[in-house]
Amino acid sequence: MTNIQEARETVVKFLKESLGVDRVRVIGVKKLDSGWETEAEVYEENSFLKSLGLPTRVQDRNIYIVKLDDSLEVLSYERQQEHAVMSD
């Protein structure tokens, strides 16, 4: 049986690899009858400014919902919202 820490680690690894980002923070984990539902905060380059070729430190703060089965296989993920922030 898997635990909450394993679910969190799986989500962080999955999002870092899938999105090519460095900063992922799990902000919620919920055990369901059929697996896990997690919420993660991800900082990504602002895609609009990047498409213009402008140098910027602005990143989008995105929230992703990631669903896992009991074996910690990712079933789905989706982005929920965006917020622009200044990075350090």
N, C-alpha and C. Protein backbone atom coordinates (compact mmCIF):
# COMPACT_ATOMS: atom_id res chain seq x y z
N MET A 1 0.84 -1.19 0.00
CA MET A 1 0.00 0.00 0.00
C MET A 1 0.89 1.25 0.00
N THR A 2 0.48 2.22 -0.75
CA THR A 2 1.25 3.45 -0.86
C THR A 2 0.82 4.45 0.21
N ASN A 3 1.72 5.40 0.50
CA ASN A 3 1.38 6.41 1.48
C ASN A 3 1.41 7.79 0.85
N ILE A 4 1.05 8.77 1.62
CA ILE A 4 0.92 10.14 1.12
C ILE A 4 2.26 10.70 0.63
N GLN A 5 3.34 10.37 1.30
CA GLN A 5 4.67 10.85 0.90
C GLN A 5 5.07 10.29 -0.47
N GLU A 6 4.77 9.02 -0.72
CA GLU A 6 5.08 8.42 -2.02
C GLU A 6 4.26 9.08 -3.12
N ALA A 7 3.00 9.38 -2.84
CA ALA A 7 2.15 10.05 -3.83
C ALA A 7 2.71 11.44 -4.14
N ARG A 8 3.11 12.17 -3.12
CA ARG A 8 3.68 13.51 -3.30
C ARG A 8 4.95 13.46 -4.14
N GLU A 9 5.85 12.54 -3.82
CA GLU A 9 7.11 12.41 -4.56
C GLU A 9 6.87 12.05 -6.02
N THR A 10 5.90 11.19 -6.27
CA THR A 10 5.56 10.79 -7.64
C THR A 10 5.08 11.98 -8.45
N VAL A 11 4.24 12.81 -7.85
CA VAL A 11 3.70 13.98 -8.54
C VAL A 11 4.80 14.99 -8.84
N VAL A 12 5.68 15.25 -7.89
CA VAL A 12 6.79 16.20 -8.11
C VAL A 12 7.66 15.72 -9.27
N LYS A 13 8.05 14.47 -9.24
CA LYS A 13 8.89 13.92 -10.30
C LYS A 13 8.19 13.98 -11.66
N PHE A 14 6.92 13.59 -11.70
CA PHE A 14 6.16 13.60 -12.95
C PHE A 14 6.07 15.00 -13.54
N LEU A 15 5.71 15.99 -12.74
CA LEU A 15 5.55 17.34 -13.26
C LEU A 15 6.89 17.95 -13.68
N LYS A 16 7.94 17.71 -12.93
CA LYS A 16 9.25 18.23 -13.32
C LYS A 16 9.67 17.67 -14.67
N GLU A 17 9.49 16.37 -14.86
CA GLU A 17 9.87 15.74 -16.12
C GLU A 17 8.95 16.13 -17.27
N SER A 18 7.66 16.15 -17.03
CA SER A 18 6.68 16.43 -18.09
C SER A 18 6.70 17.88 -18.55
N LEU A 19 6.87 18.79 -17.61
CA LEU A 19 6.80 20.21 -17.93
C LEU A 19 8.17 20.86 -18.10
N GLY A 20 9.22 20.14 -17.74
CA GLY A 20 10.57 20.69 -17.85
C GLY A 20 10.80 21.88 -16.93
N VAL A 21 10.31 21.77 -15.70
CA VAL A 21 10.44 22.85 -14.72
C VAL A 21 11.28 22.39 -13.54
N ASP A 22 11.75 23.37 -12.76
CA ASP A 22 12.54 23.07 -11.57
C ASP A 22 11.74 23.19 -10.28
N ARG A 23 10.75 24.07 -10.29
CA ARG A 23 10.02 24.38 -9.06
C ARG A 23 8.63 23.77 -9.07
N VAL A 24 8.45 22.74 -8.25
CA VAL A 24 7.14 22.11 -8.07
C VAL A 24 6.94 21.93 -6.58
N ARG A 25 5.78 22.36 -6.09
CA ARG A 25 5.46 22.21 -4.67
C ARG A 25 4.06 21.64 -4.55
N VAL A 26 3.94 20.48 -3.94
CA VAL A 26 2.62 19.88 -3.73
C VAL A 26 1.96 20.62 -2.57
N ILE A 27 0.76 21.13 -2.82
CA ILE A 27 0.06 21.90 -1.81
C ILE A 27 -1.19 21.20 -1.30
N GLY A 28 -1.49 20.02 -1.86
CA GLY A 28 -2.62 19.26 -1.36
C GLY A 28 -2.59 17.84 -1.87
N VAL A 29 -2.93 16.90 -0.99
CA VAL A 29 -3.02 15.48 -1.36
C VAL A 29 -4.26 14.91 -0.68
N LYS A 30 -5.06 14.21 -1.47
CA LYS A 30 -6.27 13.62 -0.94
C LYS A 30 -6.35 12.16 -1.35
N LYS A 31 -6.55 11.25 -0.40
CA LYS A 31 -6.72 9.83 -0.68
C LYS A 31 -8.16 9.59 -1.09
N LEU A 32 -8.33 8.95 -2.23
CA LEU A 32 -9.66 8.60 -2.73
C LEU A 32 -9.81 7.08 -2.69
N ASP A 33 -11.02 6.59 -2.91
CA ASP A 33 -11.24 5.15 -2.95
C ASP A 33 -10.42 4.48 -4.04
N SER A 34 -10.24 5.20 -5.16
CA SER A 34 -9.56 4.61 -6.32
C SER A 34 -8.16 5.15 -6.54
N GLY A 35 -7.58 5.85 -5.57
CA GLY A 35 -6.23 6.37 -5.76
C GLY A 35 -6.00 7.66 -5.00
N TRP A 36 -5.35 8.62 -5.67
CA TRP A 36 -4.96 9.88 -5.06
C TRP A 36 -5.31 11.05 -5.97
N GLU A 37 -5.66 12.18 -5.36
CA GLU A 37 -5.83 13.43 -6.10
C GLU A 37 -4.92 14.44 -5.43
N THR A 38 -4.06 15.08 -6.23
CA THR A 38 -3.10 16.03 -5.68
C THR A 38 -3.24 17.37 -6.37
N GLU A 39 -2.79 18.39 -5.67
CA GLU A 39 -2.76 19.75 -6.21
C GLU A 39 -1.33 20.25 -6.04
N ALA A 40 -0.75 20.75 -7.13
CA ALA A 40 0.65 21.18 -7.10
C ALA A 40 0.79 22.58 -7.69
N GLU A 41 1.68 23.34 -7.08
CA GLU A 41 2.01 24.68 -7.54
C GLU A 41 3.28 24.58 -8.38
N VAL A 42 3.21 25.10 -9.62
CA VAL A 42 4.33 25.00 -10.55
C VAL A 42 4.63 26.39 -11.11
N TYR A 43 5.91 26.75 -11.11
CA TYR A 43 6.32 28.02 -11.70
C TYR A 43 6.93 27.74 -13.07
N GLU A 44 6.33 28.35 -14.10
CA GLU A 44 6.76 28.17 -15.48
C GLU A 44 7.05 29.52 -16.12
N GLU A 45 7.96 29.52 -17.10
CA GLU A 45 8.22 30.75 -17.83
C GLU A 45 6.94 31.28 -18.44
N ASN A 46 6.79 32.59 -18.46
CA ASN A 46 5.62 33.20 -19.07
C ASN A 46 5.68 32.94 -20.57
N SER A 47 4.74 32.17 -21.08
CA SER A 47 4.78 31.72 -22.47
C SER A 47 4.61 32.86 -23.47
N PHE A 48 3.84 33.88 -23.13
CA PHE A 48 3.65 35.00 -24.04
C PHE A 48 4.95 35.78 -24.21
N LEU A 49 5.58 36.13 -23.09
CA LEU A 49 6.84 36.87 -23.17
C LEU A 49 7.94 36.05 -23.83
N LYS A 50 7.94 34.76 -23.55
CA LYS A 50 8.93 33.87 -24.17
C LYS A 50 8.74 33.83 -25.69
N SER A 51 7.48 33.79 -26.15
CA SER A 51 7.21 33.74 -27.59
C SER A 51 7.65 35.02 -28.30
N LEU A 52 7.71 36.13 -27.56
CA LEU A 52 8.19 37.39 -28.13
C LEU A 52 9.71 37.50 -28.11
N GLY A 53 10.36 36.54 -27.45
CA GLY A 53 11.82 36.55 -27.35
C GLY A 53 12.35 37.58 -26.38
N LEU A 54 11.50 38.02 -25.46
CA LEU A 54 11.92 39.04 -24.50
C LEU A 54 12.55 38.40 -23.28
N PRO A 55 13.67 38.96 -22.83
CA PRO A 55 14.26 38.46 -21.58
C PRO A 55 13.38 38.92 -20.41
N THR A 56 13.06 38.01 -19.54
CA THR A 56 12.17 38.36 -18.43
C THR A 56 12.40 37.45 -17.24
N ARG A 57 12.04 37.95 -16.08
CA ARG A 57 12.06 37.14 -14.87
C ARG A 57 10.63 36.81 -14.43
N VAL A 58 9.67 37.18 -15.25
CA VAL A 58 8.27 36.91 -14.92
C VAL A 58 7.97 35.45 -15.20
N GLN A 59 7.37 34.81 -14.21
CA GLN A 59 6.94 33.43 -14.37
C GLN A 59 5.46 33.33 -14.04
N ASP A 60 4.82 32.34 -14.63
CA ASP A 60 3.43 32.06 -14.31
C ASP A 60 3.38 31.06 -13.18
N ARG A 61 2.58 31.35 -12.18
CA ARG A 61 2.34 30.42 -11.08
C ARG A 61 1.09 29.64 -11.47
N ASN A 62 1.27 28.38 -11.80
CA ASN A 62 0.17 27.54 -12.24
C ASN A 62 -0.14 26.47 -11.21
N ILE A 63 -1.41 26.15 -11.11
CA ILE A 63 -1.85 25.08 -10.22
C ILE A 63 -2.29 23.91 -11.09
N TYR A 64 -1.72 22.75 -10.81
CA TYR A 64 -2.06 21.53 -11.54
C TYR A 64 -2.75 20.54 -10.61
N ILE A 65 -3.77 19.89 -11.14
CA ILE A 65 -4.42 18.78 -10.45
C ILE A 65 -3.91 17.51 -11.11
N VAL A 66 -3.34 16.62 -10.30
CA VAL A 66 -2.80 15.35 -10.81
C VAL A 66 -3.52 14.22 -10.10
N LYS A 67 -4.06 13.28 -10.88
CA LYS A 67 -4.74 12.11 -10.31
C LYS A 67 -3.90 10.87 -10.54
N LEU A 68 -3.75 10.07 -9.48
CA LEU A 68 -2.97 8.84 -9.51
C LEU A 68 -3.86 7.67 -9.11
N ASP A 69 -3.54 6.48 -9.64
CA ASP A 69 -4.24 5.30 -9.16
C ASP A 69 -3.53 4.77 -7.91
N ASP A 70 -4.01 3.66 -7.36
CA ASP A 70 -3.41 3.11 -6.14
C ASP A 70 -1.97 2.66 -6.33
N SER A 71 -1.58 2.39 -7.57
CA SER A 71 -0.20 1.98 -7.88
C SER A 71 0.69 3.17 -8.20
N LEU A 72 0.16 4.38 -8.01
CA LEU A 72 0.86 5.64 -8.28
C LEU A 72 1.14 5.89 -9.75
N GLU A 73 0.36 5.29 -10.62
CA GLU A 73 0.44 5.61 -12.04
C GLU A 73 -0.41 6.86 -12.28
N VAL A 74 0.15 7.83 -13.02
CA VAL A 74 -0.58 9.06 -13.31
C VAL A 74 -1.72 8.75 -14.27
N LEU A 75 -2.93 9.09 -13.86
CA LEU A 75 -4.11 8.88 -14.69
C LEU A 75 -4.44 10.13 -15.50
N SER A 76 -4.24 11.30 -14.88
CA SER A 76 -4.53 12.55 -15.58
C SER A 76 -3.87 13.71 -14.85
N TYR A 77 -3.69 14.79 -15.61
CA TYR A 77 -3.26 16.05 -15.00
C TYR A 77 -3.81 17.19 -15.83
N GLU A 78 -4.10 18.31 -15.15
CA GLU A 78 -4.60 19.48 -15.86
C GLU A 78 -4.24 20.74 -15.09
N ARG A 79 -4.00 21.81 -15.85
CA ARG A 79 -3.68 23.10 -15.25
C ARG A 79 -4.97 23.80 -14.86
N GLN A 80 -4.99 24.42 -13.69
CA GLN A 80 -6.18 25.06 -13.18
C GLN A 80 -6.22 26.58 -13.38
N GLN A 81 -5.13 27.28 -13.06
CA GLN A 81 -5.14 28.74 -13.11
C GLN A 81 -3.72 29.26 -13.26
N GLU A 82 -3.61 30.55 -13.61
CA GLU A 82 -2.30 31.18 -13.79
C GLU A 82 -2.23 32.47 -13.00
N HIS A 83 -1.05 32.77 -12.48
CA HIS A 83 -0.77 34.05 -11.83
C HIS A 83 0.67 34.42 -12.17
N ALA A 84 0.88 35.62 -12.70
CA ALA A 84 2.24 36.07 -13.00
C ALA A 84 2.90 36.57 -11.72
N VAL A 85 4.15 36.18 -11.53
CA VAL A 85 4.92 36.60 -10.35
C VAL A 85 6.34 36.91 -10.77
N MET A 86 7.04 37.66 -9.96
CA MET A 86 8.46 37.94 -10.19
C MET A 86 9.26 36.86 -9.50
N SER A 87 10.24 36.28 -10.20
CA SER A 87 11.09 35.27 -9.58
C SER A 87 12.29 35.92 -8.95
N ASP A 88 12.89 35.22 -8.00
CA ASP A 88 14.08 35.73 -7.30
C ASP A 88 15.33 35.51 -8.11
